[in-house]
Amino acid sequence: MSYNGWTNYATWRINLEIIDGINPQDMDWHGMPLSGLAGAIKDYVEEVVCPNCNTITESYALAFLSDVNWTEIASHMMQDYADQWEEVAA
């Protein structure tokens, strides 16, 4: 079920609360292909949300993150920063 124009609530919330406003150049993500960017964003968010992941609370957080559409967030970032992006074949 979609949420506020995003794939689902998890995707919307992670983009809104963690990713929104991050400049891909600051993260050395610019120029990455879509799949690479999606993976980099996922890795970054998992580290922010759960740096050690050794408690049950953190395992619930990771379960929430498993619902995120990382490719959708990456695509949105590529569109927002299209002037910085170099199209790279996947």
N, C-alpha and C. Protein backbone atom coordinates (compact mmCIF):
# COMPACT_ATOMS: atom_id res chain seq x y z
N MET A 1 0.84 -1.17 0.00
CA MET A 1 0.00 0.00 0.00
C MET A 1 0.89 1.24 0.00
N SER A 2 0.60 2.19 -0.85
CA SER A 2 1.43 3.39 -0.94
C SER A 2 1.14 4.34 0.23
N TYR A 3 2.09 5.25 0.46
CA TYR A 3 1.97 6.19 1.57
C TYR A 3 2.58 7.52 1.15
N ASN A 4 1.76 8.57 1.12
CA ASN A 4 2.20 9.92 0.75
C ASN A 4 3.00 9.94 -0.55
N GLY A 5 2.61 9.12 -1.51
CA GLY A 5 3.28 9.09 -2.80
C GLY A 5 4.48 8.17 -2.87
N TRP A 6 4.81 7.51 -1.78
CA TRP A 6 5.94 6.57 -1.73
C TRP A 6 5.40 5.14 -1.71
N THR A 7 6.26 4.18 -1.94
CA THR A 7 5.87 2.77 -1.97
C THR A 7 5.12 2.36 -0.71
N ASN A 8 5.62 2.76 0.45
CA ASN A 8 5.01 2.38 1.73
C ASN A 8 5.48 3.35 2.82
N TYR A 9 4.95 3.16 4.00
CA TYR A 9 5.26 4.01 5.14
C TYR A 9 6.75 4.00 5.48
N ALA A 10 7.35 2.81 5.47
CA ALA A 10 8.77 2.71 5.84
C ALA A 10 9.64 3.52 4.88
N THR A 11 9.38 3.42 3.60
CA THR A 11 10.16 4.16 2.60
C THR A 11 9.98 5.66 2.79
N TRP A 12 8.74 6.10 2.96
CA TRP A 12 8.45 7.52 3.17
C TRP A 12 9.17 8.04 4.42
N ARG A 13 9.05 7.31 5.52
CA ARG A 13 9.59 7.78 6.79
C ARG A 13 11.12 7.83 6.78
N ILE A 14 11.76 6.81 6.25
CA ILE A 14 13.22 6.81 6.20
C ILE A 14 13.72 7.94 5.30
N ASN A 15 13.06 8.13 4.16
CA ASN A 15 13.47 9.24 3.29
C ASN A 15 13.28 10.57 4.01
N LEU A 16 12.15 10.76 4.65
CA LEU A 16 11.84 12.02 5.31
C LEU A 16 12.77 12.31 6.48
N GLU A 17 13.01 11.31 7.32
CA GLU A 17 13.71 11.56 8.58
C GLU A 17 15.21 11.35 8.53
N ILE A 18 15.70 10.60 7.54
CA ILE A 18 17.14 10.33 7.51
C ILE A 18 17.80 10.80 6.22
N ILE A 19 17.17 10.58 5.08
CA ILE A 19 17.82 10.86 3.80
C ILE A 19 17.56 12.27 3.28
N ASP A 20 16.37 12.79 3.48
CA ASP A 20 16.02 14.10 2.93
C ASP A 20 17.04 15.15 3.34
N GLY A 21 17.56 15.85 2.37
CA GLY A 21 18.52 16.91 2.63
C GLY A 21 19.97 16.49 2.53
N ILE A 22 20.23 15.19 2.42
CA ILE A 22 21.61 14.74 2.25
C ILE A 22 22.02 14.99 0.81
N ASN A 23 23.12 15.67 0.63
CA ASN A 23 23.66 15.92 -0.71
C ASN A 23 24.56 14.73 -1.08
N PRO A 24 24.29 14.08 -2.21
CA PRO A 24 25.09 12.91 -2.58
C PRO A 24 26.58 13.22 -2.76
N GLN A 25 26.91 14.46 -3.11
CA GLN A 25 28.33 14.82 -3.23
C GLN A 25 29.02 14.78 -1.87
N ASP A 26 28.30 15.21 -0.83
CA ASP A 26 28.86 15.20 0.52
C ASP A 26 29.16 13.78 0.99
N MET A 27 28.42 12.82 0.46
CA MET A 27 28.57 11.42 0.85
C MET A 27 29.44 10.64 -0.15
N ASP A 28 29.93 11.32 -1.16
CA ASP A 28 30.69 10.69 -2.25
C ASP A 28 29.85 9.63 -2.98
N TRP A 29 28.56 9.93 -3.13
CA TRP A 29 27.64 9.03 -3.82
C TRP A 29 27.34 9.48 -5.25
N HIS A 30 27.65 10.73 -5.59
CA HIS A 30 27.27 11.23 -6.91
C HIS A 30 27.95 10.41 -8.01
N GLY A 31 27.22 10.20 -9.09
CA GLY A 31 27.76 9.45 -10.22
C GLY A 31 27.57 7.95 -10.11
N MET A 32 27.10 7.46 -8.96
CA MET A 32 26.88 6.02 -8.81
C MET A 32 25.70 5.59 -9.68
N PRO A 33 25.72 4.35 -10.15
CA PRO A 33 24.53 3.83 -10.82
C PRO A 33 23.42 3.63 -9.78
N LEU A 34 22.21 3.52 -10.23
CA LEU A 34 21.05 3.42 -9.34
C LEU A 34 21.20 2.30 -8.31
N SER A 35 21.59 1.12 -8.74
CA SER A 35 21.69 0.00 -7.80
C SER A 35 22.79 0.24 -6.76
N GLY A 36 23.89 0.84 -7.17
CA GLY A 36 24.96 1.15 -6.22
C GLY A 36 24.54 2.20 -5.21
N LEU A 37 23.82 3.20 -5.69
CA LEU A 37 23.34 4.26 -4.80
C LEU A 37 22.34 3.68 -3.80
N ALA A 38 21.44 2.84 -4.26
CA ALA A 38 20.46 2.22 -3.37
C ALA A 38 21.17 1.44 -2.26
N GLY A 39 22.20 0.70 -2.62
CA GLY A 39 22.96 -0.06 -1.63
C GLY A 39 23.70 0.84 -0.65
N ALA A 40 24.27 1.93 -1.16
CA ALA A 40 24.99 2.86 -0.29
C ALA A 40 24.05 3.54 0.69
N ILE A 41 22.87 3.90 0.22
CA ILE A 41 21.88 4.52 1.10
C ILE A 41 21.44 3.52 2.18
N LYS A 42 21.18 2.30 1.78
CA LYS A 42 20.77 1.26 2.73
C LYS A 42 21.85 1.06 3.80
N ASP A 43 23.09 0.95 3.38
CA ASP A 43 24.19 0.76 4.33
C ASP A 43 24.28 1.94 5.30
N TYR A 44 24.15 3.15 4.76
CA TYR A 44 24.22 4.36 5.59
C TYR A 44 23.10 4.37 6.63
N VAL A 45 21.88 4.11 6.19
CA VAL A 45 20.73 4.14 7.10
C VAL A 45 20.86 3.06 8.16
N GLU A 46 21.26 1.87 7.78
CA GLU A 46 21.43 0.80 8.77
C GLU A 46 22.47 1.18 9.83
N GLU A 47 23.52 1.86 9.42
CA GLU A 47 24.55 2.29 10.37
C GLU A 47 24.02 3.39 11.29
N VAL A 48 23.22 4.30 10.75
CA VAL A 48 22.64 5.37 11.56
C VAL A 48 21.64 4.79 12.57
N VAL A 49 20.78 3.92 12.10
CA VAL A 49 19.71 3.38 12.94
C VAL A 49 20.23 2.35 13.94
N CYS A 50 21.19 1.58 13.51
CA CYS A 50 21.59 0.44 14.33
C CYS A 50 23.09 0.19 14.19
N PRO A 51 23.92 0.98 14.84
CA PRO A 51 25.37 0.84 14.66
C PRO A 51 25.95 -0.49 15.17
N ASN A 52 25.35 -1.09 16.18
CA ASN A 52 25.87 -2.35 16.71
C ASN A 52 24.91 -3.52 16.55
N CYS A 53 23.65 -3.26 16.56
CA CYS A 53 22.58 -4.25 16.36
C CYS A 53 22.76 -5.50 17.21
N ASN A 54 22.74 -5.32 18.50
CA ASN A 54 22.87 -6.47 19.37
C ASN A 54 21.77 -6.56 20.42
N THR A 55 20.70 -5.79 20.23
CA THR A 55 19.58 -5.87 21.16
C THR A 55 18.31 -6.22 20.39
N ILE A 56 17.31 -6.63 21.10
CA ILE A 56 16.04 -6.96 20.45
C ILE A 56 15.40 -5.72 19.84
N THR A 57 15.57 -4.57 20.49
CA THR A 57 15.03 -3.33 19.94
C THR A 57 15.66 -3.03 18.59
N GLU A 58 16.95 -3.20 18.50
CA GLU A 58 17.63 -2.96 17.23
C GLU A 58 17.22 -3.96 16.18
N SER A 59 16.92 -5.19 16.56
CA SER A 59 16.47 -6.16 15.57
C SER A 59 15.10 -5.78 15.03
N TYR A 60 14.25 -5.17 15.86
CA TYR A 60 12.97 -4.66 15.37
C TYR A 60 13.19 -3.50 14.40
N ALA A 61 14.16 -2.67 14.68
CA ALA A 61 14.48 -1.56 13.77
C ALA A 61 14.92 -2.11 12.42
N LEU A 62 15.75 -3.14 12.42
CA LEU A 62 16.18 -3.75 11.15
C LEU A 62 15.01 -4.38 10.42
N ALA A 63 14.07 -4.94 11.14
CA ALA A 63 12.87 -5.50 10.51
C ALA A 63 12.08 -4.40 9.81
N PHE A 64 11.97 -3.24 10.44
CA PHE A 64 11.30 -2.10 9.82
C PHE A 64 12.04 -1.69 8.54
N LEU A 65 13.37 -1.65 8.60
CA LEU A 65 14.16 -1.25 7.43
C LEU A 65 14.03 -2.23 6.28
N SER A 66 13.68 -3.47 6.56
CA SER A 66 13.55 -4.46 5.48
C SER A 66 12.38 -4.14 4.56
N ASP A 67 11.47 -3.27 5.00
CA ASP A 67 10.34 -2.87 4.16
C ASP A 67 10.64 -1.67 3.27
N VAL A 68 11.78 -1.05 3.46
CA VAL A 68 12.12 0.16 2.69
C VAL A 68 12.45 -0.18 1.24
N ASN A 69 11.93 0.62 0.33
CA ASN A 69 12.27 0.49 -1.09
C ASN A 69 13.48 1.40 -1.35
N TRP A 70 14.65 0.84 -1.23
CA TRP A 70 15.90 1.61 -1.35
C TRP A 70 16.08 2.16 -2.75
N THR A 71 15.65 1.42 -3.75
CA THR A 71 15.76 1.89 -5.14
C THR A 71 14.90 3.13 -5.37
N GLU A 72 13.73 3.17 -4.76
CA GLU A 72 12.87 4.34 -4.90
C GLU A 72 13.53 5.57 -4.28
N ILE A 73 14.12 5.42 -3.11
CA ILE A 73 14.81 6.54 -2.47
C ILE A 73 15.99 6.99 -3.32
N ALA A 74 16.75 6.04 -3.84
CA ALA A 74 17.90 6.38 -4.69
C ALA A 74 17.46 7.11 -5.95
N SER A 75 16.40 6.63 -6.56
CA SER A 75 15.89 7.28 -7.77
C SER A 75 15.44 8.70 -7.48
N HIS A 76 14.79 8.88 -6.37
CA HIS A 76 14.34 10.22 -5.95
C HIS A 76 15.54 11.14 -5.74
N MET A 77 16.59 10.63 -5.11
CA MET A 77 17.80 11.43 -4.89
C MET A 77 18.44 11.80 -6.23
N MET A 78 18.50 10.85 -7.14
CA MET A 78 19.10 11.12 -8.45
C MET A 78 18.32 12.22 -9.19
N GLN A 79 17.01 12.20 -9.05
CA GLN A 79 16.19 13.24 -9.68
C GLN A 79 16.41 14.59 -9.01
N ASP A 80 16.46 14.60 -7.69
CA ASP A 80 16.66 15.86 -6.95
C ASP A 80 18.01 16.51 -7.24
N TYR A 81 19.01 15.70 -7.52
CA TYR A 81 20.36 16.20 -7.75
C TYR A 81 20.82 15.90 -9.18
N ALA A 82 19.89 15.93 -10.12
CA ALA A 82 20.19 15.58 -11.52
C ALA A 82 21.30 16.45 -12.09
N ASP A 83 21.40 17.69 -11.67
CA ASP A 83 22.44 18.57 -12.20
C ASP A 83 23.84 18.13 -11.77
N GLN A 84 23.96 17.34 -10.72
CA GLN A 84 25.26 16.84 -10.25
C GLN A 84 25.56 15.44 -10.78
N TRP A 85 24.52 14.79 -11.29
CA TRP A 85 24.67 13.36 -11.61
C TRP A 85 25.27 13.13 -12.97
N GLU A 86 26.16 12.21 -13.02
CA GLU A 86 26.69 11.72 -14.29
C GLU A 86 25.99 10.39 -14.52
N GLU A 87 25.35 10.26 -15.66
CA GLU A 87 24.64 9.01 -15.95
C GLU A 87 25.66 7.89 -16.09
N VAL A 88 25.52 6.89 -15.28
CA VAL A 88 26.43 5.74 -15.29
C VAL A 88 25.60 4.50 -15.57
N ALA A 89 26.05 3.70 -16.50
CA ALA A 89 25.32 2.48 -16.81
C ALA A 89 25.40 1.50 -15.64
N ALA A 90 24.28 0.90 -15.34
CA ALA A 90 24.22 -0.05 -14.23
C ALA A 90 24.93 -1.34 -14.55
